[in-house]
Every structure is written in structure tokens, then in C-alpha cells.
N, C-alpha and C. Protein backbone atom coordinates (compact mmCIF):
# COMPACT_ATOMS: atom_id res chain seq x y z
N MET A 1 -35.22 10.16 -105.50
CA MET A 1 -34.05 10.83 -106.75
C MET A 1 -33.07 11.91 -106.34
N PHE A 2 -31.33 11.51 -106.27
CA PHE A 2 -30.64 12.41 -105.60
C PHE A 2 -29.64 12.59 -107.17
N VAL A 3 -29.15 13.81 -106.66
CA VAL A 3 -28.37 14.60 -107.66
C VAL A 3 -27.17 14.87 -107.00
N SER A 4 -26.03 15.17 -107.55
CA SER A 4 -24.68 15.84 -107.19
C SER A 4 -23.94 16.08 -108.01
N GLY A 5 -22.57 16.26 -108.05
CA GLY A 5 -21.45 17.08 -109.08
C GLY A 5 -20.64 16.02 -109.26
N GLY A 6 -20.40 14.93 -108.73
CA GLY A 6 -19.58 14.14 -109.51
C GLY A 6 -17.71 14.68 -108.86
N ALA A 7 -17.54 15.18 -108.16
CA ALA A 7 -16.45 15.73 -107.45
C ALA A 7 -16.19 14.59 -106.49
N GLN A 8 -14.19 14.76 -106.26
CA GLN A 8 -13.99 13.67 -105.80
C GLN A 8 -14.29 14.14 -103.94
N GLY A 9 -14.32 14.06 -102.85
CA GLY A 9 -14.20 13.87 -101.79
C GLY A 9 -15.80 13.86 -101.33
N ALA A 10 -16.88 14.33 -100.75
CA ALA A 10 -18.04 14.08 -100.72
C ALA A 10 -19.11 13.98 -102.10
N ASP A 11 -19.30 14.20 -102.99
CA ASP A 11 -19.72 13.95 -104.32
C ASP A 11 -19.83 12.51 -104.43
N PHE A 12 -18.47 11.96 -104.30
CA PHE A 12 -18.05 10.35 -104.53
C PHE A 12 -18.47 9.79 -103.40
N ALA A 13 -18.51 10.40 -102.41
CA ALA A 13 -18.78 9.25 -101.02
C ALA A 13 -20.62 9.17 -100.96
N TRP A 14 -21.15 10.07 -101.19
CA TRP A 14 -22.61 10.53 -101.23
C TRP A 14 -23.03 9.53 -102.80
N ALA A 15 -22.51 9.72 -103.57
CA ALA A 15 -22.61 8.71 -105.08
C ALA A 15 -22.67 7.00 -104.28
N ASN A 16 -21.52 6.79 -103.78
CA ASN A 16 -21.44 5.83 -103.12
C ASN A 16 -22.53 4.92 -101.85
N ARG A 17 -22.96 5.89 -101.11
CA ARG A 17 -23.82 6.10 -100.18
C ARG A 17 -24.99 5.41 -100.92
N VAL A 18 -25.45 6.01 -101.46
CA VAL A 18 -26.72 5.92 -102.37
C VAL A 18 -26.70 4.17 -102.71
N ALA A 19 -25.86 4.13 -104.03
CA ALA A 19 -25.55 2.73 -104.20
C ALA A 19 -25.70 1.61 -103.34
N ILE A 20 -25.85 1.59 -101.82
CA ILE A 20 -25.81 0.61 -101.22
C ILE A 20 -27.11 0.44 -100.89
N ASP A 21 -27.87 1.04 -101.15
CA ASP A 21 -29.43 1.08 -100.97
C ASP A 21 -30.02 0.55 -102.27
N GLY A 22 -29.43 0.64 -103.69
CA GLY A 22 -29.71 0.43 -104.48
C GLY A 22 -30.21 1.83 -105.77
N TYR A 23 -30.06 2.84 -104.76
CA TYR A 23 -30.29 4.08 -105.52
C TYR A 23 -29.81 4.11 -106.42
N SER A 24 -29.94 5.40 -107.33
CA SER A 24 -28.92 6.03 -108.54
C SER A 24 -29.16 7.19 -107.87
N ILE A 25 -27.74 7.57 -108.60
CA ILE A 25 -27.81 9.33 -108.30
C ILE A 25 -26.93 10.05 -109.91
N ASP A 26 -28.03 11.45 -110.16
CA ASP A 26 -27.83 11.73 -111.72
C ASP A 26 -26.03 12.60 -110.50
N VAL A 27 -25.23 12.54 -111.80
CA VAL A 27 -24.08 13.77 -111.65
C VAL A 27 -24.44 14.25 -112.54
N MET A 28 -23.82 15.97 -112.50
CA MET A 28 -24.31 16.86 -113.02
C MET A 28 -22.47 17.15 -114.07
N SER A 29 -22.41 16.82 -114.57
CA SER A 29 -20.89 17.31 -115.06
C SER A 29 -20.57 18.22 -116.25
N PHE A 30 -19.90 18.62 -117.16
CA PHE A 30 -19.53 19.49 -118.72
C PHE A 30 -18.10 19.36 -119.06
N ASP A 31 -18.57 19.57 -120.22
CA ASP A 31 -17.18 18.97 -121.16
C ASP A 31 -15.71 19.62 -120.94
N GLY A 32 -14.72 18.97 -119.80
CA GLY A 32 -13.81 19.66 -119.20
C GLY A 32 -13.55 19.13 -117.90
N HIS A 33 -14.71 18.54 -117.19
CA HIS A 33 -14.62 17.92 -116.15
C HIS A 33 -13.78 16.70 -116.24
N ARG A 34 -12.96 16.79 -115.78
CA ARG A 34 -11.88 15.67 -116.03
C ARG A 34 -12.02 14.30 -114.96
N ARG A 35 -12.40 15.25 -113.93
CA ARG A 35 -12.41 13.90 -112.69
C ARG A 35 -13.82 13.53 -112.40
N CYS A 36 -14.80 13.70 -113.27
CA CYS A 36 -15.93 13.90 -112.95
C CYS A 36 -16.39 11.89 -112.00
N GLN A 37 -16.97 11.81 -111.26
CA GLN A 37 -16.83 10.49 -110.71
C GLN A 37 -18.71 10.06 -110.16
N GLY A 38 -19.02 9.09 -110.79
CA GLY A 38 -20.15 8.67 -110.62
C GLY A 38 -20.57 7.57 -111.89
N PRO A 39 -21.92 7.43 -111.49
CA PRO A 39 -22.13 5.84 -112.32
C PRO A 39 -22.32 6.79 -113.87
N LYS A 40 -21.47 5.72 -114.90
CA LYS A 40 -21.27 6.44 -116.32
C LYS A 40 -22.59 6.83 -116.76
N ASP A 41 -23.68 5.63 -116.57
CA ASP A 41 -24.98 5.53 -117.34
C ASP A 41 -25.44 6.68 -116.36
N ARG A 42 -25.51 7.74 -115.71
CA ARG A 42 -26.16 9.00 -114.85
C ARG A 42 -25.54 9.88 -114.88
N ILE A 43 -24.66 10.42 -115.37
CA ILE A 43 -23.89 11.00 -115.65
C ILE A 43 -24.31 12.73 -116.83
N ILE A 44 -24.82 13.32 -116.56
CA ILE A 44 -26.15 14.51 -117.19
C ILE A 44 -24.97 15.55 -117.87
N MET A 45 -23.84 15.57 -119.28
CA MET A 45 -23.22 16.70 -119.67
C MET A 45 -24.07 17.84 -119.57
N LEU A 46 -23.88 19.17 -119.17
CA LEU A 46 -24.38 19.97 -119.88
C LEU A 46 -23.77 20.81 -120.38
N THR A 47 -24.39 21.59 -121.38
CA THR A 47 -24.22 22.17 -122.70
C THR A 47 -23.31 24.05 -122.08
N LYS A 48 -22.84 24.45 -123.24
CA LYS A 48 -21.84 25.46 -122.27
C LYS A 48 -23.42 26.75 -122.56
N GLU A 49 -24.36 26.20 -123.01
CA GLU A 49 -25.42 27.12 -123.16
C GLU A 49 -26.05 27.37 -121.70
N GLN A 50 -25.94 25.83 -121.43
CA GLN A 50 -27.07 25.10 -120.06
C GLN A 50 -26.11 26.35 -119.11
N LEU A 51 -25.01 26.12 -118.93
CA LEU A 51 -23.63 26.47 -117.95
C LEU A 51 -24.06 27.88 -117.63
N LYS A 52 -24.35 28.86 -118.49
CA LYS A 52 -24.74 30.14 -118.96
C LYS A 52 -25.49 30.72 -118.26
N GLU A 53 -26.74 29.71 -118.55
CA GLU A 53 -28.37 29.76 -118.02
C GLU A 53 -28.43 29.91 -116.09
N ALA A 54 -26.87 29.47 -115.59
CA ALA A 54 -26.61 29.72 -114.63
C ALA A 54 -26.22 30.88 -113.66
N GLN A 55 -26.10 31.52 -114.62
CA GLN A 55 -25.73 33.08 -114.40
C GLN A 55 -26.49 33.92 -113.80
N PRO A 56 -27.38 34.00 -113.31
CA PRO A 56 -28.85 34.63 -112.75
C PRO A 56 -28.53 34.28 -111.44
N TRP A 57 -28.46 33.28 -111.26
CA TRP A 57 -28.44 33.14 -109.44
C TRP A 57 -27.01 32.96 -109.00
N ILE A 58 -25.79 32.69 -109.80
CA ILE A 58 -24.52 32.82 -109.04
C ILE A 58 -24.66 34.26 -109.20
N ASN A 59 -24.97 35.16 -109.88
CA ASN A 59 -24.54 36.52 -109.63
C ASN A 59 -25.48 36.92 -108.02
N LYS A 60 -26.90 36.37 -107.92
CA LYS A 60 -27.78 36.76 -106.71
C LYS A 60 -27.17 36.04 -105.37
N ALA A 61 -26.40 34.69 -105.52
CA ALA A 61 -25.54 34.05 -104.29
C ALA A 61 -24.63 34.83 -104.45
N ALA A 62 -23.85 35.88 -104.87
CA ALA A 62 -22.42 36.40 -105.25
C ALA A 62 -23.00 37.53 -104.18
N LYS A 63 -24.23 38.14 -104.60
CA LYS A 63 -24.63 39.33 -104.00
C LYS A 63 -24.94 39.41 -102.72
N SER A 64 -25.37 38.10 -102.35
CA SER A 64 -25.94 37.67 -100.84
C SER A 64 -24.83 37.33 -99.61
N LYS A 65 -23.54 37.06 -100.90
CA LYS A 65 -22.30 36.43 -99.83
C LYS A 65 -21.32 36.82 -99.99
N GLY A 66 -21.53 38.71 -100.49
CA GLY A 66 -20.52 39.00 -100.40
C GLY A 66 -19.36 38.90 -101.52
N TYR A 67 -19.82 38.25 -102.08
CA TYR A 67 -18.19 37.79 -103.38
C TYR A 67 -18.79 38.27 -104.77
N THR A 68 -17.06 38.48 -105.21
CA THR A 68 -17.56 38.70 -106.86
C THR A 68 -18.13 37.49 -107.64
N SER A 69 -18.83 37.50 -108.64
CA SER A 69 -19.57 36.84 -109.66
C SER A 69 -18.85 36.48 -109.91
N SER A 70 -18.93 34.78 -110.43
CA SER A 70 -17.84 34.28 -111.47
C SER A 70 -18.93 33.20 -111.99
N SER A 71 -17.77 33.06 -113.36
CA SER A 71 -18.89 32.12 -114.51
C SER A 71 -18.04 30.83 -114.28
N ASN A 72 -17.07 30.15 -113.27
CA ASN A 72 -16.66 29.34 -113.68
C ASN A 72 -17.32 28.08 -113.78
N PRO A 73 -17.14 27.24 -114.75
CA PRO A 73 -18.34 26.29 -114.80
C PRO A 73 -18.29 25.29 -113.63
N PHE A 74 -17.05 24.93 -112.86
CA PHE A 74 -18.06 24.28 -111.63
C PHE A 74 -19.28 24.87 -111.11
N ILE A 75 -18.83 26.04 -110.50
CA ILE A 75 -20.08 27.03 -110.05
C ILE A 75 -20.96 27.11 -111.14
N CYS A 76 -21.53 27.05 -112.07
CA CYS A 76 -22.30 26.99 -113.32
C CYS A 76 -22.97 25.37 -112.77
N ARG A 77 -22.61 24.18 -112.96
CA ARG A 77 -22.95 23.65 -112.54
C ARG A 77 -23.54 22.82 -111.60
N ASP A 78 -23.31 23.75 -110.11
CA ASP A 78 -23.54 24.01 -109.25
C ASP A 78 -24.86 24.31 -109.41
N TRP A 79 -25.14 25.25 -109.94
CA TRP A 79 -26.84 25.78 -110.01
C TRP A 79 -27.62 24.37 -110.71
N TRP A 80 -27.27 23.60 -111.45
CA TRP A 80 -27.74 22.47 -112.33
C TRP A 80 -28.17 21.59 -111.15
N ILE A 81 -27.48 21.27 -110.27
CA ILE A 81 -27.68 20.11 -109.12
C ILE A 81 -28.77 20.81 -108.30
N VAL A 82 -28.73 21.89 -107.90
CA VAL A 82 -29.90 22.77 -106.72
C VAL A 82 -31.14 22.81 -107.93
N ARG A 83 -31.08 23.18 -109.10
CA ARG A 83 -31.63 23.75 -109.59
C ARG A 83 -33.70 23.31 -109.92
N GLU A 84 -33.36 21.70 -109.92
CA GLU A 84 -35.02 21.11 -109.48
C GLU A 84 -35.15 20.91 -107.90
N ALA A 85 -33.50 20.60 -106.99
CA ALA A 85 -33.78 20.07 -106.20
C ALA A 85 -34.78 20.49 -105.30
N ASP A 86 -34.99 19.64 -104.36
CA ASP A 86 -36.64 19.83 -102.96
C ASP A 86 -35.82 20.50 -101.88
N ALA A 87 -34.57 19.47 -101.38
CA ALA A 87 -33.77 20.11 -100.48
C ALA A 87 -32.27 19.66 -100.68
N VAL A 88 -31.33 20.58 -100.03
CA VAL A 88 -30.04 19.77 -100.37
C VAL A 88 -29.11 19.37 -98.52
N VAL A 89 -28.60 18.25 -98.75
CA VAL A 89 -27.75 17.53 -97.61
C VAL A 89 -26.25 17.54 -97.83
N ALA A 90 -25.75 18.71 -96.96
CA ALA A 90 -23.87 18.99 -97.61
C ALA A 90 -23.40 18.14 -96.21
N VAL A 91 -22.36 17.81 -96.65
CA VAL A 91 -21.13 17.72 -95.79
C VAL A 91 -19.29 18.83 -96.53
N GLY A 92 -19.16 19.84 -95.18
CA GLY A 92 -19.01 20.79 -95.10
C GLY A 92 -18.23 21.61 -93.86
N GLN A 93 -18.09 23.29 -94.02
CA GLN A 93 -17.87 23.65 -93.37
C GLN A 93 -18.84 25.27 -93.41
N ARG A 94 -18.96 25.58 -91.95
CA ARG A 94 -19.96 26.40 -91.95
C ARG A 94 -19.00 27.37 -91.31
N GLU A 95 -19.63 28.94 -92.77
CA GLU A 95 -18.30 30.21 -92.37
C GLU A 95 -19.67 31.12 -91.98
N GLY A 96 -19.77 31.41 -90.69
CA GLY A 96 -20.90 32.30 -89.98
C GLY A 96 -22.09 31.74 -90.64
N ASP A 97 -23.15 32.77 -91.75
CA ASP A 97 -24.06 32.47 -91.93
C ASP A 97 -24.42 31.55 -92.94
N PHE A 98 -23.06 31.24 -93.55
CA PHE A 98 -22.74 30.59 -94.28
C PHE A 98 -22.02 29.90 -94.61
N VAL A 99 -21.84 29.00 -96.15
CA VAL A 99 -20.89 27.47 -96.05
C VAL A 99 -19.55 28.22 -97.00
N GLU A 100 -18.09 27.47 -96.35
CA GLU A 100 -17.52 28.06 -97.19
C GLU A 100 -16.99 26.68 -99.04
N GLY A 101 -16.50 27.74 -99.12
CA GLY A 101 -16.17 27.06 -101.10
C GLY A 101 -17.25 26.95 -101.77
N GLY A 102 -17.34 25.58 -103.04
CA GLY A 102 -17.74 25.44 -103.48
C GLY A 102 -19.29 25.37 -103.36
N THR A 103 -18.90 24.22 -102.04
CA THR A 103 -20.65 23.61 -101.20
C THR A 103 -21.16 24.87 -100.57
N GLY A 104 -20.88 25.88 -100.75
CA GLY A 104 -21.64 27.55 -100.37
C GLY A 104 -22.08 27.87 -101.27
N TRP A 105 -21.43 27.98 -102.91
CA TRP A 105 -21.99 28.50 -103.48
C TRP A 105 -23.01 27.57 -103.83
N THR A 106 -22.97 26.15 -104.15
CA THR A 106 -24.47 25.37 -104.57
C THR A 106 -25.67 25.68 -103.33
N TRP A 107 -25.16 25.83 -101.79
CA TRP A 107 -26.02 26.08 -101.03
C TRP A 107 -26.47 27.36 -100.89
N GLN A 108 -25.65 28.61 -101.37
CA GLN A 108 -26.51 29.43 -101.57
C GLN A 108 -27.53 29.59 -102.39
N MET A 109 -27.08 29.16 -103.92
CA MET A 109 -28.11 29.03 -104.79
C MET A 109 -29.50 28.52 -104.30
N HIS A 110 -28.99 27.48 -104.03
CA HIS A 110 -30.66 27.02 -103.60
C HIS A 110 -31.27 27.97 -102.44
N LEU A 111 -30.93 28.36 -101.31
CA LEU A 111 -31.40 29.46 -100.74
C LEU A 111 -31.74 30.71 -101.24
N GLU A 112 -31.11 31.04 -102.71
CA GLU A 112 -31.89 32.16 -102.89
C GLU A 112 -33.02 31.99 -104.09
N LYS A 113 -33.33 30.45 -104.63
CA LYS A 113 -34.15 29.50 -105.34
C LYS A 113 -35.63 29.24 -104.92
N ASP A 114 -35.39 28.67 -103.25
CA ASP A 114 -36.07 28.76 -101.96
C ASP A 114 -35.69 28.58 -101.25
N PRO A 115 -36.94 29.45 -100.40
CA PRO A 115 -35.79 29.80 -99.26
C PRO A 115 -36.79 29.07 -98.16
N VAL A 116 -37.44 28.05 -98.73
CA VAL A 116 -38.30 26.83 -97.71
C VAL A 116 -36.94 26.68 -96.32
N PHE A 117 -36.10 26.75 -96.39
CA PHE A 117 -34.71 25.85 -95.87
C PHE A 117 -35.04 24.11 -95.88
N LEU A 118 -35.63 23.59 -96.78
CA LEU A 118 -34.81 22.37 -96.25
C LEU A 118 -33.32 21.82 -96.58
N MET A 119 -32.92 22.15 -95.92
CA MET A 119 -31.32 22.17 -95.94
C MET A 119 -30.07 21.86 -94.65
N TRP A 120 -29.01 20.54 -94.87
CA TRP A 120 -28.73 20.41 -93.74
C TRP A 120 -27.64 19.94 -94.39
N ILE A 121 -26.87 20.63 -93.19
CA ILE A 121 -25.14 20.38 -93.00
C ILE A 121 -24.45 19.80 -92.24
N PHE A 122 -23.58 18.40 -92.64
CA PHE A 122 -22.63 18.22 -91.68
C PHE A 122 -21.47 19.55 -91.12
N ASP A 123 -21.10 19.77 -90.65
CA ASP A 123 -20.03 20.68 -90.04
C ASP A 123 -18.91 19.81 -89.87
N GLN A 124 -17.71 19.73 -90.74
CA GLN A 124 -16.57 19.17 -90.08
C GLN A 124 -15.87 19.56 -89.47
N ASN A 125 -15.64 21.11 -89.00
CA ASN A 125 -15.25 21.56 -88.08
C ASN A 125 -15.31 20.99 -86.79
N VAL A 126 -16.52 20.94 -86.36
CA VAL A 126 -17.11 20.43 -84.72
C VAL A 126 -17.84 19.35 -84.95
N GLU A 127 -17.94 18.76 -85.98
CA GLU A 127 -18.79 16.83 -86.28
C GLU A 127 -20.27 17.18 -85.92
N LYS A 128 -20.56 18.07 -86.32
CA LYS A 128 -22.32 18.10 -86.20
C LYS A 128 -23.10 18.31 -87.42
N TRP A 129 -24.62 17.93 -86.64
CA TRP A 129 -25.37 18.37 -88.27
C TRP A 129 -25.95 19.26 -87.55
N PHE A 130 -26.45 20.39 -88.73
CA PHE A 130 -27.31 21.53 -88.29
C PHE A 130 -28.32 21.47 -89.33
N SER A 131 -29.79 22.58 -89.19
CA SER A 131 -30.45 22.67 -90.14
C SER A 131 -30.35 24.18 -90.47
N TRP A 132 -30.40 24.57 -91.45
CA TRP A 132 -30.83 26.24 -91.76
C TRP A 132 -32.13 26.29 -91.74
N VAL A 133 -32.66 27.54 -90.73
CA VAL A 133 -33.69 27.91 -91.07
C VAL A 133 -33.75 29.00 -90.60
N GLY A 134 -33.32 29.55 -91.06
CA GLY A 134 -32.91 31.64 -91.01
C GLY A 134 -31.98 31.86 -90.29
N GLU A 135 -31.15 30.91 -89.61
CA GLU A 135 -29.96 30.94 -88.90
C GLU A 135 -29.66 29.33 -88.30
N TRP A 136 -28.37 28.58 -88.16
CA TRP A 136 -28.06 27.56 -87.57
C TRP A 136 -28.27 27.00 -86.16
N VAL A 137 -29.87 25.68 -86.71
CA VAL A 137 -29.88 24.93 -85.51
C VAL A 137 -29.05 23.58 -85.64
N GLU A 138 -28.91 23.42 -84.01
CA GLU A 138 -27.83 22.04 -84.00
C GLU A 138 -29.23 20.67 -84.13
N CYS A 139 -28.93 19.88 -84.59
CA CYS A 139 -29.62 18.74 -84.89
C CYS A 139 -29.09 17.63 -84.21
N GLN A 140 -29.96 17.04 -84.07
CA GLN A 140 -29.26 15.98 -83.25
C GLN A 140 -28.68 14.28 -83.73
N GLY A 141 -28.73 15.07 -84.70
CA GLY A 141 -28.14 13.32 -85.55
C GLY A 141 -28.76 13.87 -87.38
N PRO A 142 -28.33 12.72 -88.15
CA PRO A 142 -28.13 12.60 -89.46
C PRO A 142 -29.89 13.05 -89.65
N PRO A 143 -30.32 14.27 -91.18
CA PRO A 143 -31.39 14.28 -91.77
C PRO A 143 -31.85 12.91 -92.23
N SER A 144 -32.72 12.24 -92.44
CA SER A 144 -33.57 11.15 -92.99
C SER A 144 -33.90 11.73 -94.05
N LEU A 145 -33.40 11.32 -95.15
CA LEU A 145 -34.03 11.18 -96.57
C LEU A 145 -35.48 10.94 -96.88
N GLU A 146 -36.14 10.24 -96.34
CA GLU A 146 -37.10 9.65 -96.57
C GLU A 146 -38.49 9.95 -97.05
N THR A 147 -38.50 11.34 -97.03
CA THR A 147 -39.91 12.10 -97.64
C THR A 147 -39.94 12.98 -98.29
N LEU A 148 -37.52 13.33 -98.69
CA LEU A 148 -37.69 14.92 -99.07
C LEU A 148 -37.57 15.20 -100.78
N GLY A 149 -38.18 14.03 -101.54
CA GLY A 149 -38.21 14.47 -103.23
C GLY A 149 -37.01 14.11 -103.78
N ARG A 150 -36.28 15.01 -104.58
CA ARG A 150 -35.20 15.36 -105.39
C ARG A 150 -34.19 16.00 -104.43
N VAL A 151 -33.50 15.15 -104.09
CA VAL A 151 -32.24 15.72 -103.03
C VAL A 151 -30.51 16.06 -103.51
N ALA A 152 -30.45 17.41 -103.62
CA ALA A 152 -28.99 17.42 -103.78
C ALA A 152 -28.18 17.22 -102.92
N LEU A 153 -27.43 15.91 -102.98
CA LEU A 153 -26.38 15.52 -102.45
C LEU A 153 -24.97 16.28 -102.41
N ILE A 154 -24.35 17.23 -101.66
CA ILE A 154 -23.12 18.01 -101.98
C ILE A 154 -22.12 18.12 -100.89
N GLY A 155 -21.11 18.53 -101.08
CA GLY A 155 -19.84 18.60 -99.97
C GLY A 155 -18.21 18.76 -100.46
N SER A 156 -17.87 18.69 -99.67
CA SER A 156 -16.26 19.07 -99.61
C SER A 156 -15.47 18.14 -100.81
N ARG A 157 -14.44 18.43 -101.33
CA ARG A 157 -13.70 17.43 -101.64
C ARG A 157 -12.65 17.30 -100.89
N LYS A 158 -12.31 17.74 -99.56
CA LYS A 158 -11.60 17.76 -98.87
C LYS A 158 -12.67 17.29 -97.43
N LEU A 159 -12.98 15.70 -97.78
CA LEU A 159 -14.02 15.29 -97.25
C LEU A 159 -13.20 14.28 -95.86
N THR A 160 -13.53 14.89 -94.54
CA THR A 160 -12.69 14.10 -93.49
C THR A 160 -13.23 12.90 -92.95
N ALA A 161 -12.74 11.82 -92.02
CA ALA A 161 -13.23 10.80 -91.49
C ALA A 161 -14.31 11.03 -90.65
N ALA A 162 -14.80 11.85 -89.94
CA ALA A 162 -15.89 12.17 -89.81
C ALA A 162 -16.96 12.57 -90.44
N GLY A 163 -16.33 13.48 -91.16
CA GLY A 163 -17.73 13.82 -92.93
C GLY A 163 -18.30 12.47 -93.36
N ARG A 164 -16.95 11.64 -93.58
CA ARG A 164 -17.20 10.27 -94.18
C ARG A 164 -18.35 9.06 -93.32
N LYS A 165 -18.11 9.32 -92.10
CA LYS A 165 -19.26 8.60 -91.53
C LYS A 165 -20.35 9.03 -91.21
N ALA A 166 -20.36 10.87 -91.49
CA ALA A 166 -22.19 11.07 -91.27
C ALA A 166 -22.45 10.84 -92.25
N ILE A 167 -21.79 10.52 -93.84
CA ILE A 167 -22.41 10.44 -94.57
C ILE A 167 -23.12 8.59 -94.32
N ALA A 168 -22.77 7.95 -93.94
CA ALA A 168 -22.59 6.80 -94.10
C ALA A 168 -24.39 6.86 -93.28
N GLN A 169 -24.35 7.72 -92.35
CA GLN A 169 -25.37 7.64 -90.92
C GLN A 169 -26.50 7.95 -91.59
N VAL A 170 -27.00 8.42 -92.87
CA VAL A 170 -28.05 9.06 -93.42
C VAL A 170 -28.73 8.56 -93.72
N LYS A 171 -29.87 8.57 -93.41
CA LYS A 171 -31.13 7.47 -93.81
C LYS A 171 -31.54 7.89 -94.74
N LEU A 172 -32.09 6.54 -95.56
CA LEU A 172 -32.28 6.38 -97.13
C LEU A 172 -34.09 5.44 -97.11
N ALA A 173 -34.74 5.80 -97.49
CA ALA A 173 -36.16 4.94 -97.74
C ALA A 173 -36.01 4.19 -98.19
N PRO A 174 -36.59 3.06 -97.94
CA PRO A 174 -36.82 1.60 -98.71
C PRO A 174 -36.89 2.13 -100.12
N LEU A 175 -35.91 1.44 -100.78
CA LEU A 175 -36.33 1.49 -102.31
C LEU A 175 -37.53 1.23 -102.92
N GLY A 176 -38.50 2.45 -103.74
CA GLY A 176 -39.17 1.98 -104.09
C GLY A 176 -40.41 2.83 -103.07
N ALA A 177 -40.23 3.54 -102.13
CA ALA A 177 -40.64 4.21 -100.50
C ALA A 177 -40.82 5.35 -100.90
N ARG A 178 -40.31 6.08 -101.93
CA ARG A 178 -39.85 7.50 -101.85
C ARG A 178 -40.79 8.07 -102.08
N PRO A 179 -41.92 9.21 -102.17
CA PRO A 179 -42.61 10.21 -102.94
C PRO A 179 -41.87 10.57 -104.19
N PRO A 180 -42.96 11.23 -105.39
CA PRO A 180 -42.40 11.48 -106.60
C PRO A 180 -41.58 13.48 -105.42
N PRO A 181 -41.05 13.84 -106.16
CA PRO A 181 -40.95 15.35 -106.16
C PRO A 181 -42.06 15.93 -105.77
N ALA A 182 -41.71 17.19 -104.71
CA ALA A 182 -42.69 17.96 -104.34
C ALA A 182 -43.18 19.20 -105.84
N HIS A 183 -42.57 19.03 -106.78
CA HIS A 183 -42.53 20.41 -107.92
C HIS A 183 -42.90 19.78 -109.10
N THR A 184 -43.23 20.15 -110.27
CA THR A 184 -43.86 19.67 -111.58
C THR A 184 -42.78 20.48 -112.62
N GLU A 185 -43.20 20.62 -113.78
CA GLU A 185 -42.64 21.38 -114.21
C GLU A 185 -43.50 21.33 -115.43
């Protein structure tokens, strides 16, 4: 199972990538997200109350990053992208020990929620894959998503040609071969 935010750029490229192999992707959205892109039958509309539930996680992420907290609905939606994710795979830019922009908020909230570190980023600035294990570790190539459960696929709206190519190279499991998510409700 895959989940993303339906934004232009990397989110839309991820949705197209998983569709190539016959998968669907849940797209988190909210009233007022005018440019939400993704399969219409997979768009999950969050209520105002659900968006408010994200605030404690936004506050934790803001504190860790040295940011001012925010109630921006896009950042609130980002919490719902990683809320039940077992792993995060991103395309964006690293910024010291953090990730830039809205992708960084999503990344940091996942890290606050689950410091097991099933997290990878393709850094468009240096055109390489990295994993986060308390520090950046360069990877030999893209991660394999074959055994990761529910994966948040996120990234920059400013997707470069190298970022698009990186998304295309991520390996997915044959349809029907993915295990169920590691967590239960």
C-alpha cells in the first residue's frame, strides 16, 4: 500500500510510478486543496477535525527543526501521510541533518513518530540516494519497496529530471507479493 499527498511534482510522479506496476495509491487531501492530483477513487478527504489532530506532531517536528509551529493545512495533511506509514521514500533536498520544505515537515513527523529510520531520500542537489540512520548514509541505489508494508511516497513540487528518473528506478514488488503493514490498529 502506498500513500502520498497529491501535489504537483514528486507526489504526482510517484502516483504514476506505482500505477505502472498496477498498484493504487491513497492520496490525502482536504477541502481547499485545488490542485490535488491522483486517482479520483483513491483521494481521502480529511476533515477539519482530522487536520487539527496533526498539531501535536507538527509542534514536535517544529521543535526538532528549530521552526515556528504551523497550522497550514498542507502540513497538517502531511501528518496523515506518515501517520500509519511503515517507511518514507522521498525525492527532495537535504539540508544539514534535515530535509527542505514541506517534504521536510513530513519527513520530520515520521521521524518523531517512528525513529526506526525506514527512510530514504533522493537528494536532487547531488543526485544520489541516502538513508537516515541517525545520520545520512549514501546508498548504492534506490531502495526496494518489496517488503516495507505501507510506504509514504513524498517529495518536492520542484521535481528535476534526475528526481523523475530516480522515482522510475525504485523497485516495487510484483503485484500481490507485498506483505501486510507491520502495524495493526
